[in-house]
Amino acid sequence: MHEIVSEKGGLIEVRASGKLTQDDYDQLVPAWRRVIARHGCMRLLLVMEDFHGWDLGAAWDDLRFETTHASKIERVAMVGEKAWQKWMIKIGRIFARETVKYFDASKRAEAERWVRA
């Protein structure tokens, strides 16, 4: 499940919990495209609370969006609470430049500063 918390300028904040599904991405991807169309690029603050990952369709859509829009994604701050989330980001950096960074939930303010910088 997801909730778009705010969209201000080129920054979109999303709260994710449970497992992200294809239905979630059917709503998220158009929102991300709108931000890019309006601002030329986007920054994402993804706050994961009781997050359990992606289903296969959602994971595929995420990868496809990131690869086709890589030059338009300036920064992604992922705020989480579990060790596997941190490792997932490290593995993901193989495909994404240094634009993605993981922050523990206790460092949310730092994540917000970094994604806006």
PDB file of N, CA and C in Angstrom:
ATOM      1  N   MET A   1       0.839  -1.169   0.000  1.00  0.00           N
ATOM      2  CA  MET A   1       0.000   0.000   0.000  1.00  0.00           C
ATOM      3  C   MET A   1       0.889   1.238   0.000  1.00  0.00           C
ATOM      4  N   HIS A   2       0.417   2.275  -0.623  1.00  0.00           N
ATOM      5  CA  HIS A   2       1.185   3.511  -0.660  1.00  0.00           C
ATOM      6  C   HIS A   2       0.258   4.697  -0.425  1.00  0.00           C
ATOM      7  N   GLU A   3       0.881   5.806  -0.072  1.00  0.00           N
ATOM      8  CA  GLU A   3       0.171   7.071   0.046  1.00  0.00           C
ATOM      9  C   GLU A   3       1.121   8.156  -0.436  1.00  0.00           C
ATOM     10  N   ILE A   4       0.653   8.968  -1.377  1.00  0.00           N
ATOM     11  CA  ILE A   4       1.440  10.137  -1.787  1.00  0.00           C
ATOM     12  C   ILE A   4       1.156  11.214  -0.746  1.00  0.00           C
ATOM     13  N   VAL A   5       2.165  11.504   0.061  1.00  0.00           N
ATOM     14  CA  VAL A   5       1.999  12.420   1.186  1.00  0.00           C
ATOM     15  C   VAL A   5       2.037  13.862   0.713  1.00  0.00           C
ATOM     16  N   SER A   6       2.977  14.169  -0.160  1.00  0.00           N
ATOM     17  CA  SER A   6       3.076  15.534  -0.680  1.00  0.00           C
ATOM     18  C   SER A   6       3.795  15.526  -2.017  1.00  0.00           C
ATOM     19  N   GLU A   7       3.513  16.561  -2.746  1.00  0.00           N
ATOM     20  CA  GLU A   7       4.193  16.803  -4.022  1.00  0.00           C
ATOM     21  C   GLU A   7       4.434  18.300  -4.084  1.00  0.00           C
ATOM     22  N   LYS A   8       5.690  18.689  -3.909  1.00  0.00           N
ATOM     23  CA  LYS A   8       6.025  20.116  -3.872  1.00  0.00           C
ATOM     24  C   LYS A   8       7.245  20.338  -4.738  1.00  0.00           C
ATOM     25  N   GLY A   9       7.092  21.166  -5.741  1.00  0.00           N
ATOM     26  CA  GLY A   9       8.185  21.379  -6.666  1.00  0.00           C
ATOM     27  C   GLY A   9       8.485  20.065  -7.361  1.00  0.00           C
ATOM     28  N   GLY A  10       9.716  19.697  -7.440  1.00  0.00           N
ATOM     29  CA  GLY A  10      10.096  18.440  -8.071  1.00  0.00           C
ATOM     30  C   GLY A  10      10.247  17.302  -7.091  1.00  0.00           C
ATOM     31  N   LEU A  11       9.799  17.512  -5.833  1.00  0.00           N
ATOM     32  CA  LEU A  11       9.943  16.492  -4.796  1.00  0.00           C
ATOM     33  C   LEU A  11       8.589  15.860  -4.504  1.00  0.00           C
ATOM     34  N   ILE A  12       8.558  14.541  -4.531  1.00  0.00           N
ATOM     35  CA  ILE A  12       7.349  13.809  -4.180  1.00  0.00           C
ATOM     36  C   ILE A  12       7.684  12.900  -3.002  1.00  0.00           C
ATOM     37  N   GLU A  13       6.827  12.939  -1.982  1.00  0.00           N
ATOM     38  CA  GLU A  13       7.016  12.090  -0.811  1.00  0.00           C
ATOM     39  C   GLU A  13       5.968  10.992  -0.825  1.00  0.00           C
ATOM     40  N   VAL A  14       6.430   9.751  -0.696  1.00  0.00           N
ATOM     41  CA  VAL A  14       5.544   8.588  -0.704  1.00  0.00           C
ATOM     42  C   VAL A  14       5.783   7.790   0.564  1.00  0.00           C
ATOM     43  N   ARG A  15       4.697   7.391   1.203  1.00  0.00           N
ATOM     44  CA  ARG A  15       4.778   6.495   2.353  1.00  0.00           C
ATOM     45  C   ARG A  15       4.338   5.115   1.880  1.00  0.00           C
ATOM     46  N   ALA A  16       5.154   4.110   2.127  1.00  0.00           N
ATOM     47  CA  ALA A  16       4.845   2.746   1.701  1.00  0.00           C
ATOM     48  C   ALA A  16       4.796   1.827   2.909  1.00  0.00           C
ATOM     49  N   SER A  17       3.787   0.961   2.919  1.00  0.00           N
ATOM     50  CA  SER A  17       3.683  -0.039   3.980  1.00  0.00           C
ATOM     51  C   SER A  17       3.151  -1.325   3.363  1.00  0.00           C
ATOM     52  N   GLY A  18       3.333  -2.409   4.090  1.00  0.00           N
ATOM     53  CA  GLY A  18       2.916  -3.694   3.551  1.00  0.00           C
ATOM     54  C   GLY A  18       3.743  -4.023   2.322  1.00  0.00           C
ATOM     55  N   LYS A  19       3.086  -4.519   1.299  1.00  0.00           N
ATOM     56  CA  LYS A  19       3.761  -4.882   0.057  1.00  0.00           C
ATOM     57  C   LYS A  19       3.228  -3.996  -1.062  1.00  0.00           C
ATOM     58  N   LEU A  20       4.146  -3.384  -1.844  1.00  0.00           N
ATOM     59  CA  LEU A  20       3.716  -2.595  -2.994  1.00  0.00           C
ATOM     60  C   LEU A  20       3.290  -3.547  -4.103  1.00  0.00           C
ATOM     61  N   THR A  21       2.150  -3.232  -4.716  1.00  0.00           N
ATOM     62  CA  THR A  21       1.567  -4.097  -5.726  1.00  0.00           C
ATOM     63  C   THR A  21       1.525  -3.404  -7.082  1.00  0.00           C
ATOM     64  N   GLN A  22       1.120  -4.146  -8.080  1.00  0.00           N
ATOM     65  CA  GLN A  22       0.933  -3.589  -9.421  1.00  0.00           C
ATOM     66  C   GLN A  22      -0.060  -2.421  -9.379  1.00  0.00           C
ATOM     67  N   ASP A  23      -1.130  -2.548  -8.598  1.00  0.00           N
ATOM     68  CA  ASP A  23      -2.100  -1.454  -8.478  1.00  0.00           C
ATOM     69  C   ASP A  23      -1.456  -0.187  -7.924  1.00  0.00           C
ATOM     70  N   ASP A  24      -0.554  -0.341  -6.962  1.00  0.00           N
ATOM     71  CA  ASP A  24       0.154   0.825  -6.421  1.00  0.00           C
ATOM     72  C   ASP A  24       0.945   1.516  -7.529  1.00  0.00           C
ATOM     73  N   TYR A  25       1.673   0.727  -8.313  1.00  0.00           N
ATOM     74  CA  TYR A  25       2.493   1.315  -9.370  1.00  0.00           C
ATOM     75  C   TYR A  25       1.644   1.893 -10.497  1.00  0.00           C
ATOM     76  N   ASP A  26       0.455   1.367 -10.696  1.00  0.00           N
ATOM     77  CA  ASP A  26      -0.450   1.943 -11.688  1.00  0.00           C
ATOM     78  C   ASP A  26      -0.838   3.369 -11.301  1.00  0.00           C
ATOM     79  N   GLN A  27      -0.737   3.700 -10.020  1.00  0.00           N
ATOM     80  CA  GLN A  27      -1.000   5.064  -9.547  1.00  0.00           C
ATOM     81  C   GLN A  27       0.287   5.873  -9.387  1.00  0.00           C
ATOM     82  N   LEU A  28       1.350   5.238  -8.913  1.00  0.00           N
ATOM     83  CA  LEU A  28       2.599   5.964  -8.668  1.00  0.00           C
ATOM     84  C   LEU A  28       3.286   6.421  -9.948  1.00  0.00           C
ATOM     85  N   VAL A  29       3.404   5.554 -10.928  1.00  0.00           N
ATOM     86  CA  VAL A  29       4.156   5.891 -12.142  1.00  0.00           C
ATOM     87  C   VAL A  29       3.573   7.112 -12.851  1.00  0.00           C
ATOM     88  N   PRO A  30       2.250   7.208 -13.041  1.00  0.00           N
ATOM     89  CA  PRO A  30       1.723   8.437 -13.662  1.00  0.00           C
ATOM     90  C   PRO A  30       2.014   9.692 -12.829  1.00  0.00           C
ATOM     91  N   ALA A  31       1.973   9.575 -11.506  1.00  0.00           N
ATOM     92  CA  ALA A  31       2.284  10.730 -10.650  1.00  0.00           C
ATOM     93  C   ALA A  31       3.734  11.148 -10.840  1.00  0.00           C
ATOM     94  N   TRP A  32       4.644  10.165 -10.895  1.00  0.00           N
ATOM     95  CA  TRP A  32       6.059  10.474 -11.116  1.00  0.00           C
ATOM     96  C   TRP A  32       6.272  11.104 -12.482  1.00  0.00           C
ATOM     97  N   ARG A  33       5.593  10.605 -13.482  1.00  0.00           N
ATOM     98  CA  ARG A  33       5.722  11.179 -14.833  1.00  0.00           C
ATOM     99  C   ARG A  33       5.222  12.623 -14.868  1.00  0.00           C
ATOM    100  N   ARG A  34       4.137  12.910 -14.143  1.00  0.00           N
ATOM    101  CA  ARG A  34       3.622  14.291 -14.087  1.00  0.00           C
ATOM    102  C   ARG A  34       4.650  15.228 -13.470  1.00  0.00           C
ATOM    103  N   VAL A  35       5.287  14.780 -12.389  1.00  0.00           N
ATOM    104  CA  VAL A  35       6.314  15.610 -11.732  1.00  0.00           C
ATOM    105  C   VAL A  35       7.453  15.885 -12.707  1.00  0.00           C
ATOM    106  N   ILE A  36       7.903  14.869 -13.413  1.00  0.00           N
ATOM    107  CA  ILE A  36       8.996  15.048 -14.381  1.00  0.00           C
ATOM    108  C   ILE A  36       8.558  15.972 -15.512  1.00  0.00           C
ATOM    109  N   ALA A  37       7.347  15.814 -16.001  1.00  0.00           N
ATOM    110  CA  ALA A  37       6.851  16.674 -17.080  1.00  0.00           C
ATOM    111  C   ALA A  37       6.787  18.135 -16.634  1.00  0.00           C
ATOM    112  N   ARG A  38       6.396  18.375 -15.395  1.00  0.00           N
ATOM    113  CA  ARG A  38       6.280  19.745 -14.883  1.00  0.00           C
ATOM    114  C   ARG A  38       7.619  20.375 -14.537  1.00  0.00           C
ATOM    115  N   HIS A  39       8.536  19.568 -14.011  1.00  0.00           N
ATOM    116  CA  HIS A  39       9.773  20.122 -13.457  1.00  0.00           C
ATOM    117  C   HIS A  39      11.039  19.687 -14.183  1.00  0.00           C
ATOM    118  N   GLY A  40      10.913  18.775 -15.137  1.00  0.00           N
ATOM    119  CA  GLY A  40      12.072  18.316 -15.886  1.00  0.00           C
ATOM    120  C   GLY A  40      12.849  17.214 -15.196  1.00  0.00           C
ATOM    121  N   CYS A  41      12.588  17.023 -13.903  1.00  0.00           N
ATOM    122  CA  CYS A  41      13.252  15.974 -13.132  1.00  0.00           C
ATOM    123  C   CYS A  41      12.416  15.740 -11.878  1.00  0.00           C
ATOM    124  N   MET A  42      12.837  14.755 -11.103  1.00  0.00           N
ATOM    125  CA  MET A  42      12.118  14.510  -9.851  1.00  0.00           C
ATOM    126  C   MET A  42      13.075  14.042  -8.774  1.00  0.00           C
ATOM    127  N   ARG A  43      12.662  14.271  -7.549  1.00  0.00           N
ATOM    128  CA  ARG A  43      13.314  13.751  -6.362  1.00  0.00           C
ATOM    129  C   ARG A  43      12.234  13.018  -5.579  1.00  0.00           C
ATOM    130  N   LEU A  44      12.615  11.914  -4.960  1.00  0.00           N
ATOM    131  CA  LEU A  44      11.650  11.076  -4.256  1.00  0.00           C
ATOM    132  C   LEU A  44      12.115  10.816  -2.838  1.00  0.00           C
ATOM    133  N   LEU A  45      11.218  11.041  -1.896  1.00  0.00           N
ATOM    134  CA  LEU A  45      11.428  10.656  -0.506  1.00  0.00           C
ATOM    135  C   LEU A  45      10.471   9.500  -0.255  1.00  0.00           C
ATOM    136  N   LEU A  46      10.999   8.299  -0.120  1.00  0.00           N
ATOM    137  CA  LEU A  46      10.190   7.103   0.103  1.00  0.00           C
ATOM    138  C   LEU A  46      10.358   6.673   1.554  1.00  0.00           C
ATOM    139  N   VAL A  47       9.286   6.783   2.315  1.00  0.00           N
ATOM    140  CA  VAL A  47       9.301   6.418   3.722  1.00  0.00           C
ATOM    141  C   VAL A  47       8.638   5.050   3.848  1.00  0.00           C
ATOM    142  N   MET A  48       9.417   4.064   4.278  1.00  0.00           N
ATOM    143  CA  MET A  48       8.934   2.691   4.388  1.00  0.00           C
ATOM    144  C   MET A  48       8.629   2.382   5.847  1.00  0.00           C
ATOM    145  N   GLU A  49       7.351   2.140   6.135  1.00  0.00           N
ATOM    146  CA  GLU A  49       6.914   1.819   7.492  1.00  0.00           C
ATOM    147  C   GLU A  49       6.215   0.470   7.454  1.00  0.00           C
ATOM    148  N   ASP A  50       6.711  -0.483   8.203  1.00  0.00           N
ATOM    149  CA  ASP A  50       6.191  -1.846   8.179  1.00  0.00           C
ATOM    150  C   ASP A  50       6.111  -2.342   6.736  1.00  0.00           C
ATOM    151  N   PHE A  51       7.189  -2.115   6.005  1.00  0.00           N
ATOM    152  CA  PHE A  51       7.263  -2.403   4.566  1.00  0.00           C
ATOM    153  C   PHE A  51       7.756  -3.823   4.340  1.00  0.00           C
ATOM    154  N   HIS A  52       7.112  -4.514   3.402  1.00  0.00           N
ATOM    155  CA  HIS A  52       7.448  -5.914   3.140  1.00  0.00           C
ATOM    156  C   HIS A  52       7.916  -6.158   1.711  1.00  0.00           C
ATOM    157  N   GLY A  53       8.182  -5.107   0.955  1.00  0.00           N
ATOM    158  CA  GLY A  53       8.736  -5.270  -0.384  1.00  0.00           C
ATOM    159  C   GLY A  53       7.726  -5.070  -1.494  1.00  0.00           C
ATOM    160  N   TRP A  54       8.059  -5.631  -2.630  1.00  0.00           N
ATOM    161  CA  TRP A  54       7.277  -5.453  -3.849  1.00  0.00           C
ATOM    162  C   TRP A  54       6.779  -6.803  -4.337  1.00  0.00           C
ATOM    163  N   ASP A  55       5.588  -6.821  -4.952  1.00  0.00           N
ATOM    164  CA  ASP A  55       5.237  -8.045  -5.663  1.00  0.00           C
ATOM    165  C   ASP A  55       5.948  -8.001  -7.008  1.00  0.00           C
ATOM    166  N   LEU A  56       5.949  -9.077  -7.737  1.00  0.00           N
ATOM    167  CA  LEU A  56       6.746  -9.184  -8.952  1.00  0.00           C
ATOM    168  C   LEU A  56       6.396  -8.107  -9.979  1.00  0.00           C
ATOM    169  N   GLY A  57       5.121  -7.859 -10.212  1.00  0.00           N
ATOM    170  CA  GLY A  57       4.717  -6.835 -11.180  1.00  0.00           C
ATOM    171  C   GLY A  57       5.175  -5.445 -10.781  1.00  0.00           C
ATOM    172  N   ALA A  58       5.064  -5.143  -9.501  1.00  0.00           N
ATOM    173  CA  ALA A  58       5.495  -3.834  -9.013  1.00  0.00           C
ATOM    174  C   ALA A  58       7.011  -3.687  -9.111  1.00  0.00           C
ATOM    175  N   ALA A  59       7.741  -4.741  -8.780  1.00  0.00           N
ATOM    176  CA  ALA A  59       9.203  -4.682  -8.885  1.00  0.00           C
ATOM    177  C   ALA A  59       9.623  -4.442 -10.329  1.00  0.00           C
ATOM    178  N   TRP A  60       8.957  -5.094 -11.262  1.00  0.00           N
ATOM    179  CA  TRP A  60       9.256  -4.911 -12.675  1.00  0.00           C
ATOM    180  C   TRP A  60       8.969  -3.479 -13.115  1.00  0.00           C
ATOM    181  N   ASP A  61       7.813  -2.933 -12.722  1.00  0.00           N
ATOM    182  CA  ASP A  61       7.480  -1.554 -13.072  1.00  0.00           C
ATOM    183  C   ASP A  61       8.480  -0.571 -12.482  1.00  0.00           C
ATOM    184  N   ASP A  62       8.926  -0.827 -11.255  1.00  0.00           N
ATOM    185  CA  ASP A  62       9.913   0.039 -10.609  1.00  0.00           C
ATOM    186  C   ASP A  62      11.214   0.039 -11.396  1.00  0.00           C
ATOM    187  N   LEU A  63      11.695  -1.140 -11.738  1.00  0.00           N
ATOM    188  CA  LEU A  63      12.936  -1.249 -12.507  1.00  0.00           C
ATOM    189  C   LEU A  63      12.801  -0.600 -13.882  1.00  0.00           C
ATOM    190  N   ARG A  64      11.679  -0.831 -14.537  1.00  0.00           N
ATOM    191  CA  ARG A  64      11.455  -0.251 -15.864  1.00  0.00           C
ATOM    192  C   ARG A  64      11.409   1.278 -15.794  1.00  0.00           C
ATOM    193  N   PHE A  65      10.719   1.824 -14.798  1.00  0.00           N
ATOM    194  CA  PHE A  65      10.656   3.279 -14.645  1.00  0.00           C
ATOM    195  C   PHE A  65      12.041   3.848 -14.395  1.00  0.00           C
ATOM    196  N   GLU A  66      12.781   3.225 -13.487  1.00  0.00           N
ATOM    197  CA  GLU A  66      14.116   3.727 -13.144  1.00  0.00           C
ATOM    198  C   GLU A  66      15.070   3.674 -14.335  1.00  0.00           C
ATOM    199  N   THR A  67      14.985   2.648 -15.148  1.00  0.00           N
ATOM    200  CA  THR A  67      15.914   2.560 -16.276  1.00  0.00           C
ATOM    201  C   THR A  67      15.527   3.514 -17.399  1.00  0.00           C
ATOM    202  N   THR A  68      14.237   3.738 -17.622  1.00  0.00           N
ATOM    203  CA  THR A  68      13.833   4.633 -18.709  1.00  0.00           C
ATOM    204  C   THR A  68      13.874   6.105 -18.311  1.00  0.00           C
ATOM    205  N   HIS A  69      13.875   6.396 -17.011  1.00  0.00           N
ATOM    206  CA  HIS A  69      13.871   7.787 -16.558  1.00  0.00           C
ATOM    207  C   HIS A  69      15.100   8.134 -15.713  1.00  0.00           C
ATOM    208  N   ALA A  70      16.134   7.327 -15.777  1.00  0.00           N
ATOM    209  CA  ALA A  70      17.304   7.507 -14.903  1.00  0.00           C
ATOM    210  C   ALA A  70      17.868   8.921 -14.944  1.00  0.00           C
ATOM    211  N   SER A  71      17.924   9.513 -16.108  1.00  0.00           N
ATOM    212  CA  SER A  71      18.508  10.852 -16.214  1.00  0.00           C
ATOM    213  C   SER A  71      17.604  11.931 -15.627  1.00  0.00           C
ATOM    214  N   LYS A  72      16.361  11.595 -15.355  1.00  0.00           N
ATOM    215  CA  LYS A  72      15.389  12.563 -14.813  1.00  0.00           C
ATOM    216  C   LYS A  72      15.178  12.412 -13.309  1.00  0.00           C
ATOM    217  N   ILE A  73      15.798  11.387 -12.722  1.00  0.00           N
ATOM    218  CA  ILE A  73      15.673  11.161 -11.282  1.00  0.00           C
ATOM    219  C   ILE A  73      16.938  11.693 -10.626  1.00  0.00           C
ATOM    220  N   GLU A  74      16.800  12.810  -9.938  1.00  0.00           N
ATOM    221  CA  GLU A  74      17.972  13.438  -9.338  1.00  0.00           C
ATOM    222  C   GLU A  74      18.420  12.737  -8.063  1.00  0.00           C
ATOM    223  N   ARG A  75      17.485  12.476  -7.165  1.00  0.00           N
ATOM    224  CA  ARG A  75      17.816  11.836  -5.893  1.00  0.00           C
ATOM    225  C   ARG A  75      16.621  11.049  -5.386  1.00  0.00           C
ATOM    226  N   VAL A  76      16.926   9.943  -4.725  1.00  0.00           N
ATOM    227  CA  VAL A  76      15.905   9.144  -4.053  1.00  0.00           C
ATOM    228  C   VAL A  76      16.425   8.844  -2.654  1.00  0.00           C
ATOM    229  N   ALA A  77      15.714   9.338  -1.651  1.00  0.00           N
ATOM    230  CA  ALA A  77      16.034   9.033  -0.257  1.00  0.00           C
ATOM    231  C   ALA A  77      15.031   7.995   0.218  1.00  0.00           C
ATOM    232  N   MET A  78      15.538   6.862   0.652  1.00  0.00           N
ATOM    233  CA  MET A  78      14.678   5.785   1.139  1.00  0.00           C
ATOM    234  C   MET A  78      14.884   5.672   2.639  1.00  0.00           C
ATOM    235  N   VAL A  79      13.811   5.866   3.379  1.00  0.00           N
ATOM    236  CA  VAL A  79      13.858   5.832   4.837  1.00  0.00           C
ATOM    237  C   VAL A  79      13.207   4.534   5.285  1.00  0.00           C
ATOM    238  N   GLY A  80      13.971   3.698   5.989  1.00  0.00           N
ATOM    239  CA  GLY A  80      13.448   2.393   6.374  1.00  0.00           C
ATOM    240  C   GLY A  80      13.785   2.020   7.792  1.00  0.00           C
ATOM    241  N   GLU A  81      13.380   0.798   8.123  1.00  0.00           N
ATOM    242  CA  GLU A  81      13.528   0.343   9.496  1.00  0.00           C
ATOM    243  C   GLU A  81      14.098  -1.066   9.608  1.00  0.00           C
ATOM    244  N   LYS A  82      14.503  -1.629   8.479  1.00  0.00           N
ATOM    245  CA  LYS A  82      14.969  -3.020   8.504  1.00  0.00           C
ATOM    246  C   LYS A  82      16.295  -3.150   7.754  1.00  0.00           C
ATOM    247  N   ALA A  83      17.140  -4.047   8.240  1.00  0.00           N
ATOM    248  CA  ALA A  83      18.462  -4.239   7.643  1.00  0.00           C
ATOM    249  C   ALA A  83      18.362  -4.657   6.174  1.00  0.00           C
ATOM    250  N   TRP A  84      17.379  -5.489   5.804  1.00  0.00           N
ATOM    251  CA  TRP A  84      17.283  -5.942   4.414  1.00  0.00           C
ATOM    252  C   TRP A  84      17.010  -4.776   3.477  1.00  0.00           C
ATOM    253  N   GLN A  85      16.339  -3.726   3.957  1.00  0.00           N
ATOM    254  CA  GLN A  85      16.071  -2.559   3.113  1.00  0.00           C
ATOM    255  C   GLN A  85      17.373  -1.839   2.788  1.00  0.00           C
ATOM    256  N   LYS A  86      18.238  -1.732   3.763  1.00  0.00           N
ATOM    257  CA  LYS A  86      19.535  -1.087   3.539  1.00  0.00           C
ATOM    258  C   LYS A  86      20.345  -1.884   2.519  1.00  0.00           C
ATOM    259  N   TRP A  87      20.374  -3.202   2.640  1.00  0.00           N
ATOM    260  CA  TRP A  87      21.114  -4.034   1.697  1.00  0.00           C
ATOM    261  C   TRP A  87      20.494  -3.981   0.305  1.00  0.00           C
ATOM    262  N   MET A  88      19.175  -3.890   0.230  1.00  0.00           N
ATOM    263  CA  MET A  88      18.497  -3.789  -1.055  1.00  0.00           C
ATOM    264  C   MET A  88      18.973  -2.546  -1.808  1.00  0.00           C
ATOM    265  N   ILE A  89      19.153  -1.462  -1.100  1.00  0.00           N
ATOM    266  CA  ILE A  89      19.615  -0.215  -1.725  1.00  0.00           C
ATOM    267  C   ILE A  89      21.049  -0.381  -2.204  1.00  0.00           C
ATOM    268  N   LYS A  90      21.886  -1.011  -1.419  1.00  0.00           N
ATOM    269  CA  LYS A  90      23.275  -1.219  -1.835  1.00  0.00           C
ATOM    270  C   LYS A  90      23.347  -2.057  -3.106  1.00  0.00           C
ATOM    271  N   ILE A  91      22.537  -3.085  -3.189  1.00  0.00           N
ATOM    272  CA  ILE A  91      22.497  -3.909  -4.405  1.00  0.00           C
ATOM    273  C   ILE A  91      21.945  -3.094  -5.566  1.00  0.00           C
ATOM    274  N   GLY A  92      20.918  -2.294  -5.304  1.00  0.00           N
ATOM    275  CA  GLY A  92      20.315  -1.477  -6.345  1.00  0.00           C
ATOM    276  C   GLY A  92      21.251  -0.437  -6.926  1.00  0.00           C
ATOM    277  N   ARG A  93      22.261  -0.039  -6.171  1.00  0.00           N
ATOM    278  CA  ARG A  93      23.219   0.952  -6.674  1.00  0.00           C
ATOM    279  C   ARG A  93      24.034   0.432  -7.851  1.00  0.00           C
ATOM    280  N   ILE A  94      24.027  -0.856  -8.053  1.00  0.00           N
ATOM    281  CA  ILE A  94      24.686  -1.414  -9.230  1.00  0.00           C
ATOM    282  C   ILE A  94      24.026  -0.848 -10.481  1.00  0.00           C
ATOM    283  N   PHE A  95      22.707  -0.653 -10.402  1.00  0.00           N
ATOM    284  CA  PHE A  95      21.935  -0.181 -11.553  1.00  0.00           C
ATOM    285  C   PHE A  95      21.692   1.321 -11.514  1.00  0.00           C
ATOM    286  N   ALA A  96      21.595   1.882 -10.322  1.00  0.00           N
ATOM    287  CA  ALA A  96      21.334   3.317 -10.185  1.00  0.00           C
ATOM    288  C   ALA A  96      22.609   3.989  -9.704  1.00  0.00           C
ATOM    289  N   ARG A  97      22.854   5.153 -10.268  1.00  0.00           N
ATOM    290  CA  ARG A  97      24.048   5.892  -9.850  1.00  0.00           C
ATOM    291  C   ARG A  97      23.965   6.213  -8.360  1.00  0.00           C
ATOM    292  N   GLU A  98      24.742   7.102  -7.908  1.00  0.00           N
ATOM    293  CA  GLU A  98      24.766   7.506  -6.501  1.00  0.00           C
ATOM    294  C   GLU A  98      23.558   8.362  -6.139  1.00  0.00           C
ATOM    295  N   THR A  99      22.494   8.276  -6.904  1.00  0.00           N
ATOM    296  CA  THR A  99      21.323   9.099  -6.660  1.00  0.00           C
ATOM    297  C   THR A  99      20.380   8.487  -5.638  1.00  0.00           C
ATOM    298  N   VAL A 100      20.632   7.266  -5.196  1.00  0.00           N
ATOM    299  CA  VAL A 100      19.767   6.582  -4.241  1.00  0.00           C
ATOM    300  C   VAL A 100      20.546   6.370  -2.950  1.00  0.00           C
ATOM    301  N   LYS A 101      19.917   6.754  -1.836  1.00  0.00           N
ATOM    302  CA  LYS A 101      20.590   6.622  -0.554  1.00  0.00           C
ATOM    303  C   LYS A 101      19.585   6.146   0.494  1.00  0.00           C
ATOM    304  N   TYR A 102      20.027   5.222   1.332  1.00  0.00           N
ATOM    305  CA  TYR A 102      19.191   4.682   2.403  1.00  0.00           C
ATOM    306  C   TYR A 102      19.466   5.415   3.708  1.00  0.00           C
ATOM    307  N   PHE A 103      18.403   5.669   4.475  1.00  0.00           N
ATOM    308  CA  PHE A 103      18.507   6.281   5.792  1.00  0.00           C
ATOM    309  C   PHE A 103      17.672   5.462   6.765  1.00  0.00           C
ATOM    310  N   ASP A 104      18.206   5.205   7.935  1.00  0.00           N
ATOM    311  CA  ASP A 104      17.428   4.561   8.978  1.00  0.00           C
ATOM    312  C   ASP A 104      16.304   5.512   9.397  1.00  0.00           C
ATOM    313  N   ALA A 105      15.203   4.930   9.872  1.00  0.00           N
ATOM    314  CA  ALA A 105      14.043   5.736  10.267  1.00  0.00           C
ATOM    315  C   ALA A 105      14.399   6.822  11.275  1.00  0.00           C
ATOM    316  N   SER A 106      15.375   6.572  12.112  1.00  0.00           N
ATOM    317  CA  SER A 106      15.786   7.571  13.111  1.00  0.00           C
ATOM    318  C   SER A 106      16.478   8.771  12.476  1.00  0.00           C
ATOM    319  N   LYS A 107      16.825   8.675  11.201  1.00  0.00           N
ATOM    320  CA  LYS A 107      17.534   9.760  10.506  1.00  0.00           C
ATOM    321  C   LYS A 107      16.672  10.374   9.404  1.00  0.00           C
ATOM    322  N   ARG A 108      15.379  10.382   9.608  1.00  0.00           N
ATOM    323  CA  ARG A 108      14.465  10.907   8.588  1.00  0.00           C
ATOM    324  C   ARG A 108      14.751  12.375   8.256  1.00  0.00           C
ATOM    325  N   ALA A 109      15.024  13.188   9.259  1.00  0.00           N
ATOM    326  CA  ALA A 109      15.310  14.604   9.006  1.00  0.00           C
ATOM    327  C   ALA A 109      16.537  14.747   8.114  1.00  0.00           C
ATOM    328  N   GLU A 110      17.548  13.917   8.346  1.00  0.00           N
ATOM    329  CA  GLU A 110      18.747  13.932   7.509  1.00  0.00           C
ATOM    330  C   GLU A 110      18.404  13.528   6.071  1.00  0.00           C
ATOM    331  N   ALA A 111      17.525  12.548   5.925  1.00  0.00           N
ATOM    332  CA  ALA A 111      17.092  12.110   4.588  1.00  0.00           C
ATOM    333  C   ALA A 111      16.390  13.249   3.849  1.00  0.00           C
ATOM    334  N   GLU A 112      15.537  13.972   4.552  1.00  0.00           N
ATOM    335  CA  GLU A 112      14.835  15.096   3.939  1.00  0.00           C
ATOM    336  C   GLU A 112      15.806  16.184   3.509  1.00  0.00           C
ATOM    337  N   ARG A 113      16.791  16.474   4.330  1.00  0.00           N
ATOM    338  CA  ARG A 113      17.788  17.494   3.949  1.00  0.00           C
ATOM    339  C   ARG A 113      18.567  17.030   2.714  1.00  0.00           C
ATOM    340  N   TRP A 114      18.981  15.752   2.713  1.00  0.00           N
ATOM    341  CA  TRP A 114      19.781  15.232   1.596  1.00  0.00           C
ATOM    342  C   TRP A 114      18.992  15.246   0.284  1.00  0.00           C
ATOM    343  N   VAL A 115      17.755  14.807   0.317  1.00  0.00           N
ATOM    344  CA  VAL A 115      16.979  14.721  -0.921  1.00  0.00           C
ATOM    345  C   VAL A 115      16.667  16.118  -1.475  1.00  0.00           C
ATOM    346  N   ARG A 116      16.583  17.109  -0.610  1.00  0.00           N
ATOM    347  CA  ARG A 116      16.298  18.479  -1.058  1.00  0.00           C
ATOM    348  C   ARG A 116      17.548  19.239  -1.499  1.00  0.00           C
ATOM    349  N   ALA A 117      18.732  18.792  -1.069  1.00  0.00           N
ATOM    350  CA  ALA A 117      19.979  19.522  -1.323  1.00  0.00           C
ATOM    351  C   ALA A 117      20.275  19.631  -2.816  1.00  0.00           C
TER     352      ALA A 117
END
